[in-house]
Amino acid sequence: MSPQPKVQPIDLSKQQSHDAVPSSSSPTAVGSSPSSPTERPILTSLHSDPESPVLQAVAVYDFNGDTALGDLVFQTGEKIVDVRSLSAEWMSGRIGDRTGNFPMAFVQIS
C-alpha cells in the first residue's frame, strides 16, 4: 500500500474577493463624470457629416480633454452651440471662438 499524499487545507479567509475588483461594466456613481470614451473617431474635418442636424447642448460634467487632439474643453453649465454628431459616442461643437470634439456622455442636448 502506497502512502497517501498530505492534503493542505485551504484558508478561505485569506483569499481575495472578486467583488473588490472594479468592473468595467459597473455604472458610474451619481455625481461623478463618466469616463471618456477611449475610442476616438477618425475625423477629416470638425463637421464630418454635413447631413447631421445642428444642435445645442449644455455641459453636465467638466470635460478636460486634450486640445492637441482637437477636444473642446469645457466646464459644467457651459452652453455649446453648432453641435453635430460625429459617431455613436463623440460630438463636435463650439463655445465662443473655441471649437472641438467631446464625448456625448458629458452633455445634455437641448
C-alpha atoms as a PDB file:
ATOM      1  CA  MET A   1       0.000   0.000   0.000  1.00  0.00           C
ATOM      2  CA  SER A   2       1.478   3.357  -1.049  1.00  0.00           C
ATOM      3  CA  PRO A   3       1.410   6.364   1.274  1.00  0.00           C
ATOM      4  CA  GLN A   4      -1.301   8.929   0.582  1.00  0.00           C
ATOM      5  CA  PRO A   5      -0.225  12.483  -0.257  1.00  0.00           C
ATOM      6  CA  LYS A   6      -0.635  15.015   2.524  1.00  0.00           C
ATOM      7  CA  VAL A   7      -3.514  17.415   1.767  1.00  0.00           C
ATOM      8  CA  GLN A   8      -3.201  21.018   2.917  1.00  0.00           C
ATOM      9  CA  PRO A   9      -6.440  22.681   3.991  1.00  0.00           C
ATOM     10  CA  ILE A  10      -7.325  25.920   2.199  1.00  0.00           C
ATOM     11  CA  ASP A  11      -7.820  29.006   4.358  1.00  0.00           C
ATOM     12  CA  LEU A  12     -10.676  30.833   2.591  1.00  0.00           C
ATOM     13  CA  SER A  13     -10.334  33.894   4.816  1.00  0.00           C
ATOM     14  CA  LYS A  14      -7.082  34.828   3.035  1.00  0.00           C
ATOM     15  CA  GLN A  15      -8.464  34.678  -0.497  1.00  0.00           C
ATOM     16  CA  GLN A  16      -9.399  37.915  -2.222  1.00  0.00           C
ATOM     17  CA  SER A  17     -12.984  38.559  -3.049  1.00  0.00           C
ATOM     18  CA  HIS A  18     -13.820  39.171  -6.703  1.00  0.00           C
ATOM     19  CA  ASP A  19     -16.303  41.813  -5.531  1.00  0.00           C
ATOM     20  CA  ALA A  20     -13.389  44.133  -4.711  1.00  0.00           C
ATOM     21  CA  VAL A  21     -12.262  44.219  -8.332  1.00  0.00           C
ATOM     22  CA  PRO A  22     -13.971  47.087 -10.194  1.00  0.00           C
ATOM     23  CA  SER A  23     -15.975  46.012 -13.189  1.00  0.00           C
ATOM     24  CA  SER A  24     -15.718  47.919 -16.445  1.00  0.00           C
ATOM     25  CA  SER A  25     -19.457  47.475 -16.831  1.00  0.00           C
ATOM     26  CA  SER A  26     -20.321  48.904 -13.410  1.00  0.00           C
ATOM     27  CA  PRO A  27     -22.459  52.054 -13.568  1.00  0.00           C
ATOM     28  CA  THR A  28     -20.951  55.481 -12.979  1.00  0.00           C
ATOM     29  CA  ALA A  29     -21.544  56.797  -9.479  1.00  0.00           C
ATOM     30  CA  VAL A  30     -24.116  59.565  -9.220  1.00  0.00           C
ATOM     31  CA  GLY A  31     -22.451  62.960  -9.372  1.00  0.00           C
ATOM     32  CA  SER A  32     -19.217  61.749 -10.906  1.00  0.00           C
ATOM     33  CA  SER A  33     -18.355  62.324 -14.527  1.00  0.00           C
ATOM     34  CA  PRO A  34     -18.376  59.382 -16.895  1.00  0.00           C
ATOM     35  CA  SER A  35     -15.085  58.136 -18.185  1.00  0.00           C
ATOM     36  CA  SER A  36     -14.149  59.466 -21.593  1.00  0.00           C
ATOM     37  CA  PRO A  37     -14.669  57.028 -24.426  1.00  0.00           C
ATOM     38  CA  THR A  38     -11.301  55.569 -25.324  1.00  0.00           C
ATOM     39  CA  GLU A  39     -12.032  55.063 -28.997  1.00  0.00           C
ATOM     40  CA  ARG A  40     -11.968  58.414 -30.788  1.00  0.00           C
ATOM     41  CA  PRO A  41     -13.478  58.823 -34.232  1.00  0.00           C
ATOM     42  CA  ILE A  42     -11.076  59.442 -37.086  1.00  0.00           C
ATOM     43  CA  LEU A  43     -12.072  62.809 -38.472  1.00  0.00           C
ATOM     44  CA  THR A  44     -11.140  64.624 -41.631  1.00  0.00           C
ATOM     45  CA  SER A  45     -12.841  67.836 -40.512  1.00  0.00           C
ATOM     46  CA  LEU A  46     -14.653  69.196 -37.481  1.00  0.00           C
ATOM     47  CA  HIS A  47     -18.100  68.619 -39.014  1.00  0.00           C
ATOM     48  CA  SER A  48     -17.531  65.439 -40.991  1.00  0.00           C
ATOM     49  CA  ASP A  49     -21.232  64.774 -41.628  1.00  0.00           C
ATOM     50  CA  PRO A  50     -22.928  67.790 -43.264  1.00  0.00           C
ATOM     51  CA  GLU A  51     -26.277  65.961 -43.034  1.00  0.00           C
ATOM     52  CA  SER A  52     -26.021  65.745 -39.235  1.00  0.00           C
ATOM     53  CA  PRO A  53     -28.541  68.103 -37.601  1.00  0.00           C
ATOM     54  CA  VAL A  54     -27.093  71.144 -35.819  1.00  0.00           C
ATOM     55  CA  LEU A  55     -27.992  71.079 -32.123  1.00  0.00           C
ATOM     56  CA  GLN A  56     -27.207  72.884 -28.886  1.00  0.00           C
ATOM     57  CA  ALA A  57     -26.014  71.313 -25.650  1.00  0.00           C
ATOM     58  CA  VAL A  58     -25.247  72.163 -22.044  1.00  0.00           C
ATOM     59  CA  ALA A  59     -22.272  70.584 -20.270  1.00  0.00           C
ATOM     60  CA  VAL A  60     -23.399  68.400 -17.362  1.00  0.00           C
ATOM     61  CA  TYR A  61     -19.820  67.480 -16.398  1.00  0.00           C
ATOM     62  CA  ASP A  62     -16.427  69.137 -16.734  1.00  0.00           C
ATOM     63  CA  PHE A  63     -14.520  67.784 -19.741  1.00  0.00           C
ATOM     64  CA  ASN A  64     -10.753  68.219 -19.545  1.00  0.00           C
ATOM     65  CA  GLY A  65      -9.922  66.744 -22.927  1.00  0.00           C
ATOM     66  CA  ASP A  66      -6.743  67.054 -24.941  1.00  0.00           C
ATOM     67  CA  THR A  67      -6.822  70.173 -27.109  1.00  0.00           C
ATOM     68  CA  ALA A  68      -3.867  68.805 -29.100  1.00  0.00           C
ATOM     69  CA  LEU A  69      -6.217  66.033 -30.253  1.00  0.00           C
ATOM     70  CA  GLY A  70      -8.944  68.534 -31.135  1.00  0.00           C
ATOM     71  CA  ASP A  71     -11.015  68.215 -27.955  1.00  0.00           C
ATOM     72  CA  LEU A  72     -13.278  71.028 -26.767  1.00  0.00           C
ATOM     73  CA  VAL A  73     -12.524  71.584 -23.074  1.00  0.00           C
ATOM     74  CA  PHE A  74     -15.477  72.852 -21.019  1.00  0.00           C
ATOM     75  CA  GLN A  75     -16.895  73.250 -17.524  1.00  0.00           C
ATOM     76  CA  THR A  76     -20.273  72.162 -16.160  1.00  0.00           C
ATOM     77  CA  GLY A  77     -23.017  74.545 -17.254  1.00  0.00           C
ATOM     78  CA  GLU A  78     -21.310  75.923 -20.365  1.00  0.00           C
ATOM     79  CA  LYS A  79     -23.527  76.182 -23.448  1.00  0.00           C
ATOM     80  CA  ILE A  80     -22.181  74.503 -26.587  1.00  0.00           C
ATOM     81  CA  VAL A  81     -23.566  75.556 -29.981  1.00  0.00           C
ATOM     82  CA  ASP A  82     -23.273  74.194 -33.520  1.00  0.00           C
ATOM     83  CA  VAL A  83     -23.303  70.691 -32.033  1.00  0.00           C
ATOM     84  CA  ARG A  84     -23.112  67.813 -34.503  1.00  0.00           C
ATOM     85  CA  SER A  85     -22.826  64.067 -34.059  1.00  0.00           C
ATOM     86  CA  LEU A  86     -19.527  62.525 -35.189  1.00  0.00           C
ATOM     87  CA  SER A  87     -20.008  58.933 -34.023  1.00  0.00           C
ATOM     88  CA  ALA A  88     -22.067  56.959 -31.544  1.00  0.00           C
ATOM     89  CA  GLU A  89     -20.070  58.483 -28.643  1.00  0.00           C
ATOM     90  CA  TRP A  90     -18.499  61.728 -29.928  1.00  0.00           C
ATOM     91  CA  MET A  91     -19.839  65.129 -30.963  1.00  0.00           C
ATOM     92  CA  SER A  92     -18.327  68.401 -32.168  1.00  0.00           C
ATOM     93  CA  GLY A  93     -19.317  71.917 -31.242  1.00  0.00           C
ATOM     94  CA  ARG A  94     -18.328  75.478 -30.420  1.00  0.00           C
ATOM     95  CA  ILE A  95     -18.090  77.627 -27.295  1.00  0.00           C
ATOM     96  CA  GLY A  96     -17.343  81.216 -28.284  1.00  0.00           C
ATOM     97  CA  ASP A  97     -14.356  81.084 -30.640  1.00  0.00           C
ATOM     98  CA  ARG A  98     -13.262  77.601 -29.464  1.00  0.00           C
ATOM     99  CA  THR A  99     -14.284  74.533 -31.453  1.00  0.00           C
ATOM    100  CA  GLY A 100     -13.591  70.863 -30.885  1.00  0.00           C
ATOM    101  CA  ASN A 101     -14.813  67.376 -30.162  1.00  0.00           C
ATOM    102  CA  PHE A 102     -16.243  65.959 -26.939  1.00  0.00           C
ATOM    103  CA  PRO A 103     -17.895  62.800 -25.585  1.00  0.00           C
ATOM    104  CA  MET A 104     -21.683  62.790 -25.862  1.00  0.00           C
ATOM    105  CA  ALA A 105     -21.982  61.486 -22.269  1.00  0.00           C
ATOM    106  CA  PHE A 106     -20.681  64.820 -20.885  1.00  0.00           C
ATOM    107  CA  VAL A 107     -23.527  66.979 -22.251  1.00  0.00           C
ATOM    108  CA  GLN A 108     -27.288  67.242 -22.354  1.00  0.00           C
ATOM    109  CA  ILE A 109     -28.690  68.044 -25.794  1.00  0.00           C
ATOM    110  CA  SER A 110     -31.214  70.862 -25.742  1.00  0.00           C
END
